[in-house]
Protein backbone atom coordinates (compact mmCIF):
# COMPACT_ATOMS: atom_id res chain seq x y z
CA MET A 1 38.15 -11.96 14.72
CA VAL A 2 35.49 -11.05 12.19
CA ARG A 3 36.84 -9.32 9.13
CA SER A 4 35.35 -6.07 7.99
CA ARG A 5 33.07 -6.29 5.03
CA GLY A 6 33.12 -3.13 2.98
CA ALA A 7 30.31 -2.39 0.55
CA SER A 8 31.07 -1.14 -2.91
CA ARG A 9 29.33 2.02 -3.95
CA ARG A 10 27.03 1.73 -6.92
CA PRO A 11 26.80 4.49 -9.51
CA ALA A 12 24.43 7.28 -8.51
CA ALA A 13 22.48 6.91 -11.73
CA THR A 14 21.67 3.29 -10.89
CA LEU A 15 20.34 4.29 -7.50
CA GLU A 16 18.24 7.04 -9.00
CA ARG A 17 16.74 4.70 -11.56
CA ALA A 18 15.85 2.31 -8.78
CA ALA A 19 13.96 5.09 -7.01
CA SER A 20 12.26 6.68 -9.98
CA GLY A 21 11.79 3.91 -12.48
CA GLY A 22 13.81 5.77 -15.10
CA GLY A 23 14.81 9.35 -15.77
CA GLY A 24 17.98 11.36 -15.62
CA ASP A 25 20.66 11.80 -13.03
CA ILE A 26 20.11 15.07 -11.19
CA THR A 27 23.15 14.35 -9.07
CA SER A 28 25.92 13.96 -11.57
CA LYS A 29 27.54 17.38 -11.44
CA MET A 30 27.14 18.43 -7.84
CA PRO A 31 30.55 18.33 -6.13
CA ASP A 32 30.85 15.48 -3.65
CA VAL A 33 31.39 16.29 0.00
CA GLN A 34 33.56 14.04 2.14
CA ASP A 35 31.73 11.28 3.97
CA SER A 36 32.40 11.56 7.67
CA VAL A 37 29.59 9.97 9.66
CA PRO A 38 28.59 6.30 9.91
CA PRO A 39 24.94 5.31 9.48
CA LYS A 40 22.81 5.63 12.57
CA ASN A 41 20.48 2.69 12.06
CA SER A 42 21.85 -0.78 11.76
CA GLY A 43 21.80 -4.46 12.38
CA VAL A 44 23.07 -6.01 15.58
CA ALA A 45 25.49 -8.69 16.64
CA GLU A 46 24.35 -11.95 18.07
CA GLY A 47 27.32 -13.91 19.30
CA GLY A 48 29.82 -14.74 16.59
CA SER A 49 27.30 -14.69 13.76
CA ARG A 50 25.95 -11.26 13.14
CA GLU A 51 22.53 -10.34 11.81
CA SER A 52 21.15 -7.25 10.20
CA LYS A 53 17.75 -6.18 11.44
CA LYS A 54 14.69 -4.57 10.02
CA ALA A 55 13.37 -1.54 11.76
CA GLY A 56 9.90 -1.43 13.15
CA SER A 57 7.21 1.14 12.67
CA PRO A 58 6.72 3.82 15.26
CA ARG A 59 3.23 5.22 15.37
CA LYS A 60 1.77 8.24 17.03
CA GLU A 61 -1.71 9.48 17.75
CA SER A 62 -2.65 12.38 15.57
CA SER A 63 -5.37 13.86 13.45
CA GLY A 64 -5.59 16.69 10.99
CA PRO A 65 -7.63 19.85 11.41
CA GLN A 66 -11.31 19.56 10.45
CA ASP A 67 -11.08 15.82 9.87
CA PRO A 68 -13.57 14.64 7.22
CA ALA A 69 -14.42 11.55 9.25
CA PRO A 70 -14.81 12.32 12.97
CA ARG A 71 -15.49 8.71 13.87
CA LEU A 72 -12.35 7.63 12.06
CA THR A 73 -10.32 10.14 14.07
CA GLU A 74 -11.86 8.94 17.33
CA SER A 75 -11.11 5.34 16.44
CA ALA A 76 -7.62 6.32 15.39
CA THR A 77 -7.00 7.61 18.89
CA GLU A 78 -7.85 4.23 20.34
CA VAL A 79 -5.81 2.42 17.68
CA SER A 80 -2.78 4.60 18.39
CA LYS A 81 -2.82 3.62 22.06
CA THR A 82 -2.78 -0.08 21.27
CA ASN A 83 -0.12 0.48 18.65
CA LYS A 84 2.58 2.02 20.85
CA VAL A 85 3.77 -1.24 22.40
CA GLY A 86 4.26 -2.99 19.12
CA THR A 87 5.71 -0.28 16.92
CA ASN A 88 7.65 2.31 18.90
CA HIS A 89 11.05 0.66 18.70
CA GLY A 90 12.10 2.80 15.74
CA GLU A 91 12.15 5.86 17.94
CA GLU A 92 15.48 7.16 19.15
CA LYS A 93 15.98 6.43 22.83
CA THR A 94 17.13 9.16 25.18
CA LEU A 95 19.92 8.63 27.66
CA PRO A 96 19.55 9.33 31.38
CA PRO A 97 21.17 12.72 32.00
CA SER A 98 22.77 11.37 35.17
CA SER A 99 24.76 8.69 33.34
CA LEU A 100 28.27 9.34 32.11
CA GLU A 101 27.08 8.46 28.62
CA GLY A 102 24.42 11.14 28.85
CA LYS A 103 26.92 13.70 30.10
CA VAL A 104 29.42 12.82 27.39
CA LYS A 105 26.72 13.12 24.72
CA GLU A 106 26.04 16.65 25.98
CA THR A 107 29.66 17.78 26.23
CA MET A 108 31.36 15.38 23.81
CA PRO A 109 32.35 17.94 21.16
CA ASN A 110 34.54 19.97 23.51
CA ASP A 111 34.67 19.94 27.27
CA PHE A 112 34.85 16.25 28.14
CA TRP A 113 37.53 15.28 25.65
CA ASP A 114 39.57 18.43 26.18
CA HIS A 115 39.55 17.70 29.91
CA LEU A 116 40.58 14.08 29.34
CA LYS A 117 43.46 15.17 27.12
CA GLU A 118 44.67 17.66 29.73
CA GLN A 119 44.60 15.00 32.44
CA LEU A 120 46.51 12.41 30.42
CA SER A 121 49.06 15.01 29.28
CA ALA A 122 49.75 16.22 32.81
CA THR A 123 52.94 15.29 34.69
CA PRO A 124 52.27 12.96 36.39
CA PRO A 125 49.15 11.98 34.40
CA ASP A 126 45.76 12.13 36.11
CA PHE A 127 43.71 9.02 35.29
CA SER A 128 40.51 9.87 37.18
CA CYS A 129 38.55 10.85 34.07
CA ALA A 130 39.95 7.94 32.06
CA LEU A 131 38.94 5.46 34.78
CA GLU A 132 35.39 6.75 34.79
CA LEU A 133 35.23 6.42 31.01
CA LEU A 134 36.72 2.91 31.05
CA LYS A 135 34.16 1.85 33.64
CA GLU A 136 31.30 3.06 31.44
CA ILE A 137 32.80 1.35 28.38
CA ARG A 138 33.17 -1.88 30.37
CA GLU A 139 29.47 -1.78 31.28
CA ILE A 140 28.45 -1.16 27.68
CA LEU A 141 30.56 -4.07 26.40
CA LEU A 142 29.07 -6.41 28.99
CA SER A 143 25.55 -5.26 28.09
CA LEU A 144 26.18 -6.28 24.47
CA LEU A 145 26.91 -9.89 25.39
CA LEU A 146 24.39 -12.70 25.15
CA PRO A 147 23.87 -15.05 28.13
CA ARG A 148 25.81 -17.88 26.48
CA GLN A 149 28.95 -15.78 25.93
CA ASN A 150 30.41 -16.61 29.33
CA ARG A 151 34.02 -16.92 28.20
CA LEU A 152 34.08 -13.48 26.60
CA ARG A 153 32.30 -12.01 29.60
CA THR A 154 34.97 -13.39 31.94
CA GLU A 155 37.73 -12.08 29.67
CA ILE A 156 36.28 -8.55 29.62
CA GLU A 157 35.74 -8.52 33.37
CA GLU A 158 39.36 -9.54 33.93
CA ALA A 159 40.89 -7.19 31.36
CA LEU A 160 38.83 -4.25 32.65
CA ASP A 161 38.88 -5.08 36.34
CA MET A 162 38.29 -1.65 37.85
CA ASN A 163 40.01 -2.44 41.16
CA PHE A 164 43.16 -3.50 39.33
CA LEU A 165 42.99 -0.51 36.98
CA GLN A 166 42.59 1.80 39.96
CA GLN A 167 45.76 0.36 41.49
CA GLU A 168 47.62 0.79 38.21
CA ALA A 169 46.45 4.40 38.01
CA GLU A 170 47.66 5.12 41.53
CA ARG A 171 51.10 3.78 40.56
CA GLY A 172 51.02 5.92 37.39
CA ALA A 173 51.29 2.78 35.26
CA LEU A 174 47.83 2.67 33.67
CA ASN A 175 48.30 1.92 29.95
CA VAL A 176 45.26 3.65 28.43
CA SER A 177 46.50 3.12 24.88
CA TYR A 178 46.79 -0.65 25.34
CA LEU A 179 43.34 -0.87 26.91
CA SER A 180 41.86 1.15 24.04
CA LYS A 181 43.26 -1.32 21.52
CA TYR A 182 41.86 -4.23 23.52
CA ILE A 183 38.41 -2.60 23.60
CA LEU A 184 38.59 -2.07 19.85
CA ASN A 185 39.33 -5.77 19.31
CA VAL A 186 36.29 -6.74 21.38
CA MET A 187 34.12 -4.30 19.42
CA THR A 188 35.25 -5.97 16.19
CA LEU A 189 33.84 -9.25 17.50
CA LEU A 190 30.55 -7.79 18.70
CA CYS A 191 29.57 -5.13 16.18
CA ALA A 192 26.91 -5.56 13.51
CA PRO A 193 27.99 -5.66 9.86
CA VAL A 194 26.87 -2.08 9.30
CA ARG A 195 29.38 -0.92 11.95
CA ASP A 196 32.36 -2.72 10.35
CA GLU A 197 33.50 0.34 8.46
CA ALA A 198 33.24 2.62 11.50
CA VAL A 199 35.25 0.19 13.65
CA GLN A 200 37.83 -0.26 10.91
CA LYS A 201 38.36 3.51 10.75
CA LEU A 202 39.08 3.53 14.49
CA GLU A 203 41.96 1.09 13.96
CA ASN A 204 43.87 3.80 12.08
CA ILE A 205 43.69 6.35 14.91
CA THR A 206 46.91 6.63 16.93
CA ASP A 207 45.98 9.47 19.27
CA THR A 208 44.63 7.89 22.48
CA VAL A 209 42.00 10.54 23.25
CA ARG A 210 40.69 10.59 19.69
CA LEU A 211 40.54 6.79 19.73
CA LEU A 212 38.61 6.72 23.01
CA ARG A 213 36.23 9.32 21.66
CA GLY A 214 35.60 7.26 18.53
CA ILE A 215 35.19 4.09 20.58
CA PHE A 216 32.60 5.71 22.82
CA GLN A 217 30.63 7.08 19.89
CA VAL A 218 30.51 3.73 18.05
CA LEU A 219 29.72 1.86 21.28
CA SER A 220 26.74 4.14 21.80
CA LEU A 221 25.44 3.11 18.38
CA MET A 222 26.12 -0.57 19.10
CA LYS A 223 24.21 -0.24 22.36
CA MET A 224 21.19 1.12 20.50
CA ASP A 225 21.54 -1.69 17.95
CA MET A 226 21.18 -4.22 20.75
CA VAL A 227 18.23 -2.40 22.31
CA ASN A 228 16.42 -2.27 18.97
CA TYR A 229 17.23 -5.91 18.25
CA THR A 230 15.91 -7.01 21.64
CA ILE A 231 12.69 -5.05 21.19
CA GLN A 232 12.27 -6.40 17.68
CA SER A 233 12.71 -9.99 18.87
CA LEU A 234 9.76 -9.44 21.23
CA GLN A 235 7.75 -7.52 18.66
CA PRO A 236 6.10 -9.79 16.04
CA GLN A 237 2.99 -10.81 17.99
CA PRO A 238 2.07 -7.33 19.33
CA GLN A 239 2.72 -5.81 15.91
CA GLU A 240 0.62 -8.40 14.09
CA HIS A 241 -2.17 -7.82 16.59
CA SER A 242 -1.91 -4.08 16.02
CA ILE A 243 -2.14 -4.50 12.23
CA GLN A 244 -5.19 -6.73 12.46
CA TYR A 245 -6.87 -4.47 15.02
CA GLU A 246 -6.34 -1.28 13.00
CA ARG A 247 -7.64 -2.93 9.84
CA ALA A 248 -10.70 -4.31 11.65
CA VAL A 249 -11.56 -0.89 13.11
CA PHE A 250 -11.22 0.76 9.70
CA GLN A 251 -13.31 -1.95 8.03
CA GLU A 252 -16.14 -1.38 10.49
CA LEU A 253 -16.08 2.35 9.75
CA LEU A 254 -15.98 1.67 6.02
CA LYS A 255 -19.17 -0.39 6.28
CA GLU A 256 -20.93 2.56 7.90
CA GLN A 257 -19.38 5.18 5.58
CA PRO A 258 -18.86 3.73 2.06
CA GLY A 259 -17.22 6.96 0.88
CA LEU A 260 -14.52 6.80 3.53
CA LEU A 261 -11.80 6.10 0.97
CA ASN A 262 -12.61 9.03 -1.34
CA HIS A 263 -9.66 11.18 -0.24
CA THR A 264 -7.34 8.17 -0.33
CA THR A 265 -8.41 7.51 -3.92
CA LYS A 266 -7.74 11.14 -4.89
CA TRP A 267 -4.32 10.95 -3.23
CA LEU A 268 -3.32 7.84 -5.19
CA THR A 269 -4.81 9.28 -8.39
CA GLN A 270 -2.54 12.29 -8.02
CA ALA A 271 0.46 10.00 -7.48
CA VAL A 272 -0.36 8.20 -10.75
CA ALA A 273 -0.65 11.55 -12.53
CA ASP A 274 2.72 12.67 -11.15
CA LEU A 275 4.39 9.54 -12.48
CA THR A 276 2.78 9.64 -15.92
CA SER A 277 3.18 13.39 -16.56
CA PRO A 278 6.48 14.78 -17.91
CA PRO A 279 8.54 16.25 -15.04
CA SER A 280 8.57 20.00 -14.74
CA CYS A 281 11.94 21.61 -15.42
CA ILE A 282 13.51 23.64 -12.64
CA ASP A 283 15.26 26.84 -13.61
CA VAL A 284 18.90 26.27 -12.88
CA SER A 285 20.34 28.88 -15.19
CA GLU A 286 22.59 30.14 -12.42
CA SER A 287 24.22 26.75 -11.96
CA ALA A 288 25.31 23.75 -13.99
CA SER A 289 24.94 21.44 -11.01
CA VAL A 290 21.76 19.73 -12.21
CA ALA A 291 21.81 17.35 -15.14
CA GLY A 292 18.79 15.44 -16.39
CA PRO A 293 16.88 14.40 -19.49
CA SER A 294 14.41 16.50 -21.38
CA PRO A 295 10.70 15.86 -20.68
CA ASN A 296 10.42 13.93 -23.96
CA GLU A 297 13.41 11.74 -23.08
CA ALA A 298 11.97 11.11 -19.62
CA ALA A 299 8.61 10.15 -21.08
CA SER A 300 10.17 7.77 -23.60
CA THR A 301 12.27 6.00 -20.97
CA GLN A 302 9.47 5.77 -18.40
CA GLU A 303 8.91 2.30 -16.97
CA PRO A 304 5.38 0.89 -16.67
CA LEU A 305 3.65 1.80 -13.45
CA ASN A 306 3.35 -0.67 -10.62
CA PRO A 307 1.66 -0.35 -7.23
CA ALA A 308 4.91 0.06 -5.31
CA MET A 309 5.97 3.00 -7.51
CA VAL A 310 2.61 4.73 -7.08
CA LEU A 311 2.58 4.28 -3.31
CA SER A 312 6.15 5.56 -3.00
CA GLN A 313 5.21 8.68 -4.97
CA GLY A 314 2.09 9.09 -2.86
CA PHE A 315 4.00 8.89 0.41
CA LEU A 316 6.53 11.44 -0.86
CA ASN A 317 3.69 13.79 -1.82
CA LEU A 318 2.55 13.75 1.80
CA LEU A 319 5.80 15.50 2.76
CA LEU A 320 4.76 18.38 0.48
CA TRP A 321 1.13 18.47 1.56
CA ASP A 322 -0.60 21.85 1.42
CA PRO A 323 -1.87 22.56 4.96
CA GLU A 324 -4.93 24.25 3.41
CA ASN A 325 -5.88 21.01 1.65
CA GLU A 326 -8.34 19.24 3.94
CA GLU A 327 -8.67 16.18 1.70
CA PHE A 328 -5.97 14.27 3.57
CA PRO A 329 -6.01 10.47 2.91
CA GLU A 330 -8.26 8.77 5.43
CA THR A 331 -5.83 5.87 5.76
CA LEU A 332 -3.11 8.22 7.05
CA LEU A 333 -5.03 10.47 9.43
CA THR A 334 -3.40 8.83 12.46
CA ASP A 335 0.02 9.64 11.00
CA ARG A 336 -0.64 13.23 9.96
CA THR A 337 1.17 14.86 12.87
CA ARG A 338 4.13 12.54 12.47
CA LEU A 339 4.30 13.29 8.76
CA GLN A 340 4.28 17.01 9.52
CA GLU A 341 7.19 16.47 11.91
CA LEU A 342 9.10 14.61 9.20
CA GLU A 343 8.37 17.42 6.74
CA CYS A 344 9.78 19.93 9.22
CA GLN A 345 12.86 17.77 9.76
CA LEU A 346 13.35 17.45 6.00
CA HIS A 347 13.15 21.24 5.61
CA GLN A 348 15.76 21.79 8.32
CA LEU A 349 18.12 19.27 6.73
CA THR A 350 17.70 20.98 3.36
CA ILE A 351 18.85 24.29 4.82
CA LEU A 352 21.66 22.65 6.83
CA ALA A 353 23.03 20.73 3.84
CA SER A 354 22.82 23.86 1.68
CA VAL A 355 24.84 25.82 4.23
CA LEU A 356 27.48 23.10 4.49
CA LEU A 357 27.76 22.75 0.72
CA VAL A 358 28.23 26.49 0.18
CA ALA A 359 30.70 26.75 3.07
CA SER A 360 32.76 23.80 1.83
CA SER A 361 33.08 25.35 -1.61
CA PHE A 362 34.89 28.31 -0.03
CA SER A 363 36.99 26.62 2.67
CA GLY A 364 38.09 23.52 0.77
CA SER A 365 38.71 19.93 1.83
CA VAL A 366 41.18 20.70 4.63
CA LEU A 367 38.60 22.09 7.04
CA PHE A 368 35.76 19.84 5.93
CA GLY A 369 38.03 16.82 6.19
CA SER A 370 37.91 17.35 9.95
CA PRO A 371 34.87 15.71 11.61
CA GLN A 372 35.32 18.03 14.60
CA PHE A 373 35.05 21.13 12.42
CA VAL A 374 32.01 19.78 10.57
CA ASP A 375 30.28 18.84 13.85
CA LYS A 376 30.90 22.29 15.24
CA LEU A 377 29.58 23.98 12.11
CA LYS A 378 26.49 21.76 12.26
CA ARG A 379 25.80 22.70 15.88
CA ILE A 380 26.18 26.40 15.17
CA THR A 381 23.92 26.23 12.11
CA LYS A 382 21.23 24.08 13.75
CA SER A 383 21.06 26.43 16.72
CA LEU A 384 20.67 29.52 14.55
CA LEU A 385 18.09 27.85 12.30
CA GLU A 386 15.63 27.40 15.16
CA GLU A 387 14.20 30.81 14.26
CA PHE A 388 14.21 30.18 10.50
CA ASN A 389 10.45 29.76 10.06
CA SER A 390 9.63 33.02 11.81
CA GLY A 391 12.35 35.04 10.07
CA PRO A 392 14.35 33.26 7.35
CA GLU A 393 16.30 36.36 6.26
CA GLU A 394 17.34 37.24 9.81
CA ALA A 395 18.25 33.62 10.58
CA MET A 396 20.43 33.28 7.50
CA GLN A 397 22.07 36.62 8.22
CA SER A 398 23.16 35.23 11.59
CA VAL A 399 24.23 31.95 10.00
CA SER A 400 26.35 33.73 7.38
CA GLU A 401 28.13 35.80 10.02
CA GLN A 402 28.82 32.88 12.37
CA VAL A 403 29.87 30.43 9.63
CA SER A 404 32.25 32.90 7.96
CA GLN A 405 33.71 33.76 11.35
CA GLU A 406 34.20 30.08 12.22
CA ILE A 407 35.89 29.38 8.87
CA HIS A 408 38.17 32.40 9.29
CA GLN A 409 39.17 31.36 12.83
CA SER A 410 39.75 27.71 11.87
CA LEU A 411 41.90 28.63 8.88
CA LYS A 412 43.94 30.91 11.12
CA THR A 413 44.35 28.20 13.78
CA MET A 414 45.58 25.72 11.17
CA GLY A 415 48.04 28.22 9.74
CA LEU A 416 46.26 28.42 6.40
CA ALA A 417 45.60 31.49 4.28
CA ALA A 418 42.49 33.37 5.36
CA LEU A 419 39.64 34.11 2.96
CA SER A 420 40.03 37.33 1.05
CA SER A 421 37.60 40.16 1.62
CA ASP A 422 35.86 39.42 -1.69
CA SER A 423 35.57 35.71 -0.90
CA THR A 424 34.13 36.44 2.55
CA THR A 425 31.56 38.82 1.05
CA SER A 426 30.63 36.25 -1.61
CA LEU A 427 30.36 33.47 1.01
CA MET A 428 28.06 35.52 3.22
CA GLY A 429 25.96 36.57 0.24
CA GLN A 430 25.46 33.00 -0.97
CA LEU A 431 24.57 31.81 2.51
CA GLN A 432 22.01 34.61 2.93
CA ASN A 433 20.44 33.72 -0.44
CA ILE A 434 19.53 30.28 0.94
CA ALA A 435 16.67 32.05 2.76
CA THR A 436 14.70 32.17 -0.51
CA LYS A 437 12.85 29.05 -1.66
CA GLU A 438 13.98 29.65 -5.24
CA ASN A 439 17.67 29.50 -4.28
CA CYS A 440 19.45 27.16 -6.71
CA VAL A 441 21.51 25.26 -4.15
CA ARG A 442 18.54 24.86 -1.83
CA SER A 443 16.33 23.58 -4.69
CA VAL A 444 18.89 20.97 -5.75
CA ILE A 445 19.48 19.76 -2.18
CA ASP A 446 15.73 19.50 -1.63
CA GLN A 447 15.38 17.37 -4.78
CA ARG A 448 18.19 15.12 -3.67
CA ILE A 449 16.80 14.54 -0.19
CA HIS A 450 13.47 13.58 -1.76
CA LEU A 451 15.36 11.28 -4.11
CA PHE A 452 17.11 9.70 -1.13
CA LEU A 453 13.78 9.13 0.66
CA LYS A 454 12.35 7.57 -2.48
CA CYS A 455 15.36 5.25 -2.64
CA CYS A 456 14.77 4.35 1.01
CA LEU A 457 11.24 3.20 0.18
CA VAL A 458 12.51 1.08 -2.73
CA LEU A 459 15.90 -0.19 -1.56
CA GLY A 460 15.90 0.34 2.21
CA VAL A 461 17.82 2.91 4.23
CA GLN A 462 21.20 1.19 4.49
CA ARG A 463 21.49 0.46 0.76
CA SER A 464 20.45 4.02 -0.05
CA LEU A 465 23.18 5.36 2.22
CA LEU A 466 25.82 3.56 0.15
CA ASP A 467 25.43 5.97 -2.75
CA LEU A 468 24.32 9.37 -1.47
CA PRO A 469 24.00 12.13 -4.06
CA GLY A 470 26.63 14.86 -3.90
CA GLY A 471 26.05 17.46 -1.23
CA LEU A 472 24.37 15.07 1.24
CA THR A 473 27.24 13.03 2.69
CA LEU A 474 27.91 15.52 5.49
CA ILE A 475 24.38 14.98 6.84
CA GLU A 476 24.47 11.19 6.43
CA ALA A 477 23.60 10.45 10.06
CA GLU A 478 20.68 12.87 10.02
CA LEU A 479 19.43 11.46 6.71
CA ALA A 480 19.63 7.92 8.08
CA GLU A 481 17.42 8.92 11.00
CA LEU A 482 14.92 10.72 8.76
CA GLY A 483 14.86 7.88 6.25
CA GLN A 484 14.31 5.22 8.91
CA LYS A 485 11.41 7.12 10.48
CA PHE A 486 9.82 7.58 7.06
CA VAL A 487 10.26 3.91 6.12
CA ASN A 488 8.91 2.75 9.49
CA LEU A 489 5.79 4.86 9.12
CA THR A 490 5.06 3.92 5.52
CA HIS A 491 5.83 0.23 6.04
CA HIS A 492 3.36 -0.13 8.87
CA ASN A 493 0.74 1.84 6.97
CA GLN A 494 1.09 -0.50 3.98
CA GLN A 495 0.77 -3.53 6.22
CA VAL A 496 -2.50 -2.21 7.62
CA PHE A 497 -4.09 -0.69 4.52
CA GLY A 498 -2.39 -2.67 1.72
CA PRO A 499 -5.58 -4.51 0.65
CA TYR A 500 -7.44 -1.21 0.22
CA TYR A 501 -4.57 0.31 -1.76
CA THR A 502 -4.47 -2.76 -4.01
CA ASP A 503 -8.18 -2.46 -4.87
CA ILE A 504 -7.87 1.27 -5.60
CA LEU A 505 -4.76 0.88 -7.75
CA LYS A 506 -6.31 -1.86 -9.87
CA ASN A 507 -8.71 0.78 -11.13
CA LEU A 508 -6.05 3.48 -11.55
CA ILE A 509 -3.38 1.53 -13.42
CA SER A 510 -4.33 0.68 -17.00
CA PRO A 511 -5.12 -2.97 -17.81
CA ALA A 512 -2.06 -3.28 -20.05
CA GLN A 513 0.21 -2.07 -17.29
CA ALA A 514 -1.63 -4.17 -14.74
CA VAL A 515 -0.96 -7.32 -16.79
CA LYS A 516 2.65 -6.40 -17.44
CA THR A 517 3.45 -5.62 -13.81
CA LYS A 518 1.14 -8.24 -12.27
CA VAL A 519 -0.70 -6.01 -9.83
CA GLU A 520 -0.83 -8.02 -6.65
CA SER A 521 -1.69 -7.48 -3.03
CA LEU A 522 0.88 -5.15 -1.50
């Protein structure tokens, strides 16, 4: 059996310095929120020796309005088509709605597991739902095996022989708890290192239904790990072809239009300016949750620029791009729509995390220590935030009412003291204030998500997840997905256009810094 390998958490300040090249810790005083969700992206098992994997780079055809280079946009369309085969494996796969796994994903929070619990608690117990679930789990386990793992395959097929289990169920002697423990042992052998912690947590669950639920959730992630690993193993040649093809097309256009990199140069120039200028101070007079150095301290501790720092800042700036600014970098026109989608996703996560942070400060650790409660609050909030862009005040009014009602009902169900009238009014007021861009909590959360994305570009997604700033741990899974998409996009873009970026940055970074940091091809 493979032992779990836990990762120690590094200090938040260290992570921030890695992302920013110096500066203060804006995360030090925000109260931490309990970590409850395992990372979504991961490595994958291969037999007894397990490997972590690098994600690919999904690409999507897109172009901005009034593109400055029509021929570049037309060529980008053709490039995008050739690119899909080699770089789409970072996208989240959807499950067939007809499969049990698809149905469970839809009803998992309530109906399915409530029904399973009722059946197993009945006298005599009804095992029909449990058998269907065990059959699906058996198929997933078998799908995770490699061809050479014949002995383990035979063992699983015997232990989860559905004909035998059906007979045991008919006699009322089906031991679901024992089978769950066996499945957990097999998962320990097959899971990727990044899933060790999630599997280890399952070992402490004694309730059979809760254990099965956790098993099914982690198995779903392991299944996606294997799919991504398989695609990646077939990927290198198509991806390399895609990189060479995109670069060749762009080079041909550059020969015809020598000024084709003008907007890209302006974009990188702005990134250099952002890194060399003292950071602007955000007004946080209403809260002591942000701590950082003065502009002079930041300037004195600034590290010399290097190409990777500038590119990271440039990519982050794209998530704040003014839609009225038509000077979008030519090298990223094919990714403009995808970047806009990531910007929208980032905005939604900012509001969601702000709501959860405010709510947790009123209801305490008891409620937010329950993954079921947090999941339910997330679903309610996400649903109500669909109308946020068209009417932020109205959306947050609905959120404040539903969240306060859910907290009140959950406290009552658990036999805890309900919120006072003043606390309820304060909770609703603070939630409604999130509608304004200047809201203190919202501003801090937005900074921290950008910090996380910057860490992802420097350290990778999984390492960045080890030390999330306070206020973000409850949206860890969503951040992992956002971070992986962002890293995939930027990584592929650097592979294609790295030589052009290198030439531009040699002229933007001062000679002294260029010598000190050894500006090389990216």
